[in-house]
Protein backbone atom coordinates (compact mmCIF):
# COMPACT_ATOMS: atom_id res chain seq x y z
CA MET A 1 127.49 114.70 73.82
CA ASP A 2 128.46 112.56 76.83
CA ILE A 3 124.82 111.78 77.46
CA LYS A 4 124.37 110.55 73.89
CA ILE A 5 127.43 108.30 74.18
CA THR A 6 126.18 106.87 77.47
CA VAL A 7 122.74 106.17 76.05
CA ALA A 8 124.25 104.53 72.96
CA ALA A 9 126.48 102.34 75.12
CA LEU A 10 123.55 101.26 77.25
CA ALA A 11 121.48 100.50 74.19
CA LEU A 12 124.32 98.44 72.73
CA ALA A 13 124.80 96.51 75.96
CA LEU A 14 121.08 95.87 76.17
CA SER A 15 120.92 94.65 72.60
CA LEU A 16 123.90 92.35 73.16
CA GLY A 17 122.28 90.98 76.32
CA VAL A 18 119.04 90.33 74.50
CA ALA A 19 120.91 88.66 71.66
CA GLY A 20 122.82 86.49 74.16
CA CYS A 21 119.61 85.43 75.87
CA SER A 22 118.07 84.70 72.51
CA ARG A 23 121.01 82.48 71.52
CA GLU A 24 120.91 80.62 74.83
CA GLN A 25 117.15 80.12 74.51
CA SER A 26 117.61 78.79 70.99
CA ASP A 27 120.43 76.43 72.02
CA TRP A 28 118.37 75.20 74.97
CA GLU A 29 115.43 74.38 72.71
CA LYS A 30 117.79 72.49 70.39
CA ALA A 31 119.22 70.52 73.33
CA ARG A 32 115.73 69.62 74.54
CA ALA A 33 114.70 68.55 71.06
CA SER A 34 117.72 66.23 70.77
CA ASN A 35 117.24 65.03 74.37
CA ASN A 36 120.48 63.06 74.63
CA THR A 37 123.59 63.27 76.75
CA ASP A 38 125.71 64.83 73.98
CA SER A 39 123.33 67.75 73.42
CA TYR A 40 122.98 68.54 77.13
CA GLU A 41 126.73 68.19 77.76
CA LEU A 42 127.41 70.62 74.93
CA PHE A 43 124.89 73.08 76.33
CA VAL A 44 126.35 72.95 79.86
CA LYS A 45 129.85 73.44 78.47
CA LYS A 46 128.75 76.45 76.43
CA TYR A 47 126.61 77.98 79.20
CA PRO A 48 128.15 76.92 82.54
CA SER A 49 126.15 79.62 84.39
CA GLY A 50 123.22 80.03 82.05
CA SER A 51 119.56 80.34 82.83
CA PHE A 52 118.86 76.73 81.81
CA THR A 53 122.08 75.13 83.05
CA ALA A 54 120.53 73.64 86.18
CA GLN A 55 117.76 72.04 84.13
CA ALA A 56 120.29 70.65 81.66
CA GLN A 57 122.38 69.15 84.49
CA ALA A 58 119.30 67.56 86.08
CA ARG A 59 118.30 66.00 82.77
CA LEU A 60 121.85 64.77 82.23
CA LYS A 61 121.71 62.97 85.59
CA GLU A 62 118.46 61.27 84.60
CA LEU A 63 119.84 60.17 81.25
CA TYR A 64 123.03 58.81 82.83
CA GLU A 65 120.99 56.75 85.28
CA GLU A 66 118.69 55.47 82.51
CA ARG A 67 121.74 54.44 80.49
CA ASP A 68 123.42 52.65 83.38
CA TRP A 69 120.18 50.97 84.46
CA GLN A 70 119.74 49.61 80.94
CA LYS A 71 123.28 48.21 81.09
CA ALA A 72 122.56 46.54 84.44
CA ARG A 73 119.32 45.06 83.08
CA ASP A 74 121.07 43.76 79.97
CA ALA A 75 123.71 42.06 82.12
CA ASP A 76 121.06 40.86 84.60
CA THR A 77 123.57 39.68 87.21
CA PRO A 78 123.89 40.39 90.94
CA ASP A 79 127.22 42.14 90.35
CA ALA A 80 125.70 44.44 87.74
CA TYR A 81 122.88 45.48 90.05
CA GLN A 82 125.26 45.93 92.98
CA ALA A 83 127.46 48.20 90.86
CA PHE A 84 124.39 50.21 89.88
CA LEU A 85 123.37 50.59 93.52
CA LYS A 86 126.83 51.79 94.45
CA GLN A 87 126.68 54.49 91.78
CA TYR A 88 123.03 55.46 92.38
CA PRO A 89 122.18 54.84 96.05
CA GLU A 90 119.15 57.16 95.87
CA GLY A 91 118.15 57.06 92.21
CA LYS A 92 114.94 56.38 90.33
CA TRP A 93 115.74 52.66 89.87
CA THR A 94 117.46 52.10 93.22
CA GLU A 95 114.57 50.22 94.84
CA GLU A 96 114.11 48.04 91.77
CA ALA A 97 117.82 47.17 91.78
CA ARG A 98 117.63 46.21 95.48
CA ILE A 99 114.63 43.98 94.72
CA ARG A 100 116.54 42.17 92.00
CA VAL A 101 119.58 41.64 94.19
CA GLU A 102 117.34 40.16 96.89
CA ASN A 103 115.60 37.96 94.33
CA PHE A 104 118.93 36.61 93.11
CA SER A 105 119.93 35.84 96.69
CA LEU A 106 116.75 33.86 97.29
CA ALA A 107 116.85 32.03 93.98
CA GLN A 108 120.46 30.97 94.46
CA ALA A 109 120.01 29.80 98.05
CA PRO A 110 120.60 26.05 98.44
CA SER A 111 117.52 23.90 98.84
CA THR A 112 116.97 22.30 102.24
CA ALA A 113 114.52 19.67 100.99
CA PRO A 114 115.62 16.03 101.20
CA ALA A 115 116.57 14.45 97.90
CA THR A 116 113.72 12.53 96.33
CA GLU A 117 115.38 11.49 93.10
CA ALA A 118 118.13 8.96 92.52
CA ALA A 119 121.50 10.32 91.53
CA PRO A 120 122.25 10.23 87.80
CA GLY A 121 123.60 6.82 86.81
CA ALA A 122 122.24 5.05 89.88
CA THR A 123 120.32 1.83 89.38
CA ALA A 124 117.39 0.40 91.21
CA PRO A 125 117.52 -3.02 92.85
CA GLY A 126 117.72 -5.71 90.21
CA GLY A 127 119.72 -3.52 87.85
CA ALA A 128 116.80 -1.50 86.43
CA ALA A 129 117.44 2.20 85.97
CA PRO A 130 115.00 4.37 87.99
CA ALA A 131 112.88 6.97 86.24
CA SER A 132 113.75 10.54 87.31
CA ALA A 133 111.20 13.23 87.97
CA ALA A 134 112.53 15.11 84.96
CA THR A 135 111.96 12.26 82.52
CA ALA A 136 109.15 10.22 84.00
CA PRO A 137 105.80 10.84 82.30
CA LYS A 138 103.47 12.99 84.34
CA THR A 139 100.37 10.84 84.41
CA LYS A 140 97.49 10.84 86.82
CA PRO A 141 97.42 7.94 89.27
CA THR A 142 95.10 5.20 88.11
CA VAL A 143 92.24 4.00 90.28
CA PRO A 144 91.40 0.24 90.15
CA ALA A 145 87.96 -0.51 88.71
CA PRO A 146 85.44 -1.95 91.21
CA HIS A 147 84.61 -5.66 91.04
CA ALA A 148 81.48 -6.62 89.16
CA GLY A 149 78.46 -6.28 91.37
CA ALA A 150 80.19 -4.11 93.90
CA ALA A 151 78.44 -0.97 95.02
CA PRO A 152 80.02 2.25 93.83
CA ALA A 153 82.17 4.04 96.37
CA ALA A 154 80.35 6.64 98.40
CA ARG A 155 81.26 10.21 97.56
CA THR A 156 79.39 12.04 100.27
CA SER A 157 82.38 12.19 102.60
CA ALA A 158 84.77 13.69 100.07
CA LYS A 159 86.05 17.11 101.08
CA PRO A 160 85.64 19.99 98.63
CA ALA A 161 88.76 21.03 96.78
CA PRO A 162 90.62 23.79 98.63
CA LYS A 163 90.69 27.25 97.16
CA THR A 164 93.93 28.21 95.50
CA THR A 165 95.60 31.43 94.50
CA ALA A 166 96.23 30.19 90.98
CA LYS A 167 94.20 31.83 88.27
CA ALA A 168 91.34 29.90 86.68
CA GLY A 169 92.32 27.31 84.11
CA VAL A 170 95.79 26.72 85.59
CA ALA A 171 96.37 23.85 87.99
CA SER A 172 97.54 24.93 91.42
CA GLY A 173 100.79 23.66 92.82
CA GLY A 174 103.56 24.21 95.28
CA TYR A 175 105.49 26.95 93.52
CA THR A 176 106.03 30.50 94.75
CA ILE A 177 107.05 33.59 92.82
CA GLN A 178 108.60 36.63 94.45
CA LEU A 179 107.85 40.03 92.98
CA GLY A 180 109.77 42.30 95.31
CA ALA A 181 111.45 42.85 98.68
CA TYR A 182 111.05 46.04 100.69
CA LYS A 183 112.63 47.52 103.79
CA THR A 184 109.92 50.07 104.54
CA GLY A 185 107.07 47.69 105.44
CA THR A 186 103.98 46.02 104.05
CA ALA A 187 102.57 49.27 102.66
CA ALA A 188 105.32 49.47 100.05
CA ALA A 189 104.77 45.85 99.07
CA ASN A 190 101.01 46.31 98.76
CA HIS A 191 101.48 49.49 96.74
CA HIS A 192 103.79 47.65 94.34
CA TRP A 193 101.21 44.88 93.92
CA THR A 194 98.56 47.50 93.02
CA LEU A 195 100.86 48.88 90.33
CA LEU A 196 101.60 45.40 89.00
CA GLU A 197 97.89 44.54 88.81
CA LYS A 198 97.28 47.64 86.69
CA LYS A 199 100.23 46.91 84.40
CA PHE A 200 99.68 43.14 84.07
CA PRO A 201 95.93 42.59 84.56
CA SER A 202 95.82 39.41 82.47
CA ALA A 203 98.91 37.72 83.92
CA LEU A 204 97.94 38.42 87.54
CA LYS A 205 94.17 37.97 87.25
CA GLY A 206 92.72 35.94 90.10
CA LEU A 207 95.95 35.84 92.12
CA THR A 208 96.20 36.83 95.77
CA PRO A 209 99.56 38.12 97.05
CA THR A 210 101.12 37.60 100.47
CA VAL A 211 103.70 39.74 102.23
CA LYS A 212 106.29 37.66 104.04
CA PRO A 213 108.27 39.49 106.78
CA SER A 214 111.82 38.51 107.57
CA SER A 215 112.57 36.12 110.41
CA PRO A 216 112.94 37.52 113.96
CA GLY A 217 116.42 38.93 114.49
CA ALA A 218 117.09 39.37 110.76
CA PRO A 219 117.18 42.79 109.08
CA ALA A 220 113.68 44.08 108.33
CA LEU A 221 112.56 42.95 104.89
CA TYR A 222 109.08 42.38 103.50
CA ARG A 223 108.80 40.04 100.51
CA LEU A 224 105.91 40.29 98.06
CA GLN A 225 105.03 36.76 96.95
CA VAL A 226 102.31 34.69 95.28
CA THR A 227 102.10 31.08 96.38
CA GLY A 228 100.22 27.97 95.31
CA LEU A 229 101.15 28.14 91.61
CA SER A 230 101.82 25.34 89.19
CA HIS A 231 105.29 25.36 87.67
CA ALA A 232 103.85 26.27 84.27
CA ALA A 233 101.89 29.21 85.73
CA ALA A 234 104.93 30.50 87.59
CA LEU A 235 107.04 30.34 84.44
CA SER A 236 104.38 32.10 82.37
CA ILE A 237 103.89 34.92 84.88
CA CYS A 238 107.60 35.61 85.30
CA LYS A 239 108.13 35.54 81.55
CA THR A 240 105.41 38.16 81.07
CA LEU A 241 106.67 40.41 83.86
CA LYS A 242 110.34 40.19 82.91
CA ALA A 243 109.50 41.13 79.32
CA GLN A 244 108.42 44.51 80.72
CA ALA A 245 111.42 44.85 83.06
CA ALA A 246 109.46 43.90 86.19
CA ALA A 247 111.13 41.76 88.84
CA CYS A 248 109.91 38.17 89.16
CA VAL A 249 111.70 35.05 90.36
CA ILE A 250 110.52 31.51 90.97
CA LEU A 251 111.63 30.38 94.40
CA PRO A 252 113.03 26.89 94.87
CA LYS A 253 110.20 24.57 95.81
CA ALA A 254 111.74 23.71 99.17
CA ARG A 255 111.66 27.38 100.18
CA HIS A 256 107.90 27.85 100.04
CA HIS A 257 106.63 30.33 102.59
């Protein structure tokens, strides 16, 4: 009689255990199907020591970081990225946040170039208002026509146009874009460029990057840049990259490297 009772108790315990595992498995599948913070939080609360609790907690951490990264991107300010870095010093988007903070620092640095335009409201000698670079028409310089009978100017001594890093069809210029800043060396910068080329083959076609190390005595930092772009090309590239959440900033012209 005692043996029968013991066997029945064991069978009942086993059936309850199997039923419990079945319920947890079912709830875990439901949480994975929903794949949001609420579903995983509910699962962890219901099964604090369950078989899938560690997986649920890991996924929760990823979702929290994704949510906070999206908030930082939407704000797109140095303070937002700094706050993100403070909360996630070793997260998935940590390096990208550091790049954006560095880019903001460079873009907001004061220009050291001498002023070439008259101050607003200033007048030229004789009372005429000077044309500013922002409003003056961008025309090509005119070349005086040769006098009648004069021999045409020799062209044999003209130097060939220098090669540029701008892609074909876009005039080269003195603008630089920065695509990242890295503490670990040139390898990280070059790796990032390879990824960018695969993701933006059209926007970056024909461009050659440079890796600019920090000045002697300054903290180690390697900046991934593309130089020799026209202003229009720089704007177009950054617009394309930023639309896909990639870092890109146009450096002030006086800070060309």
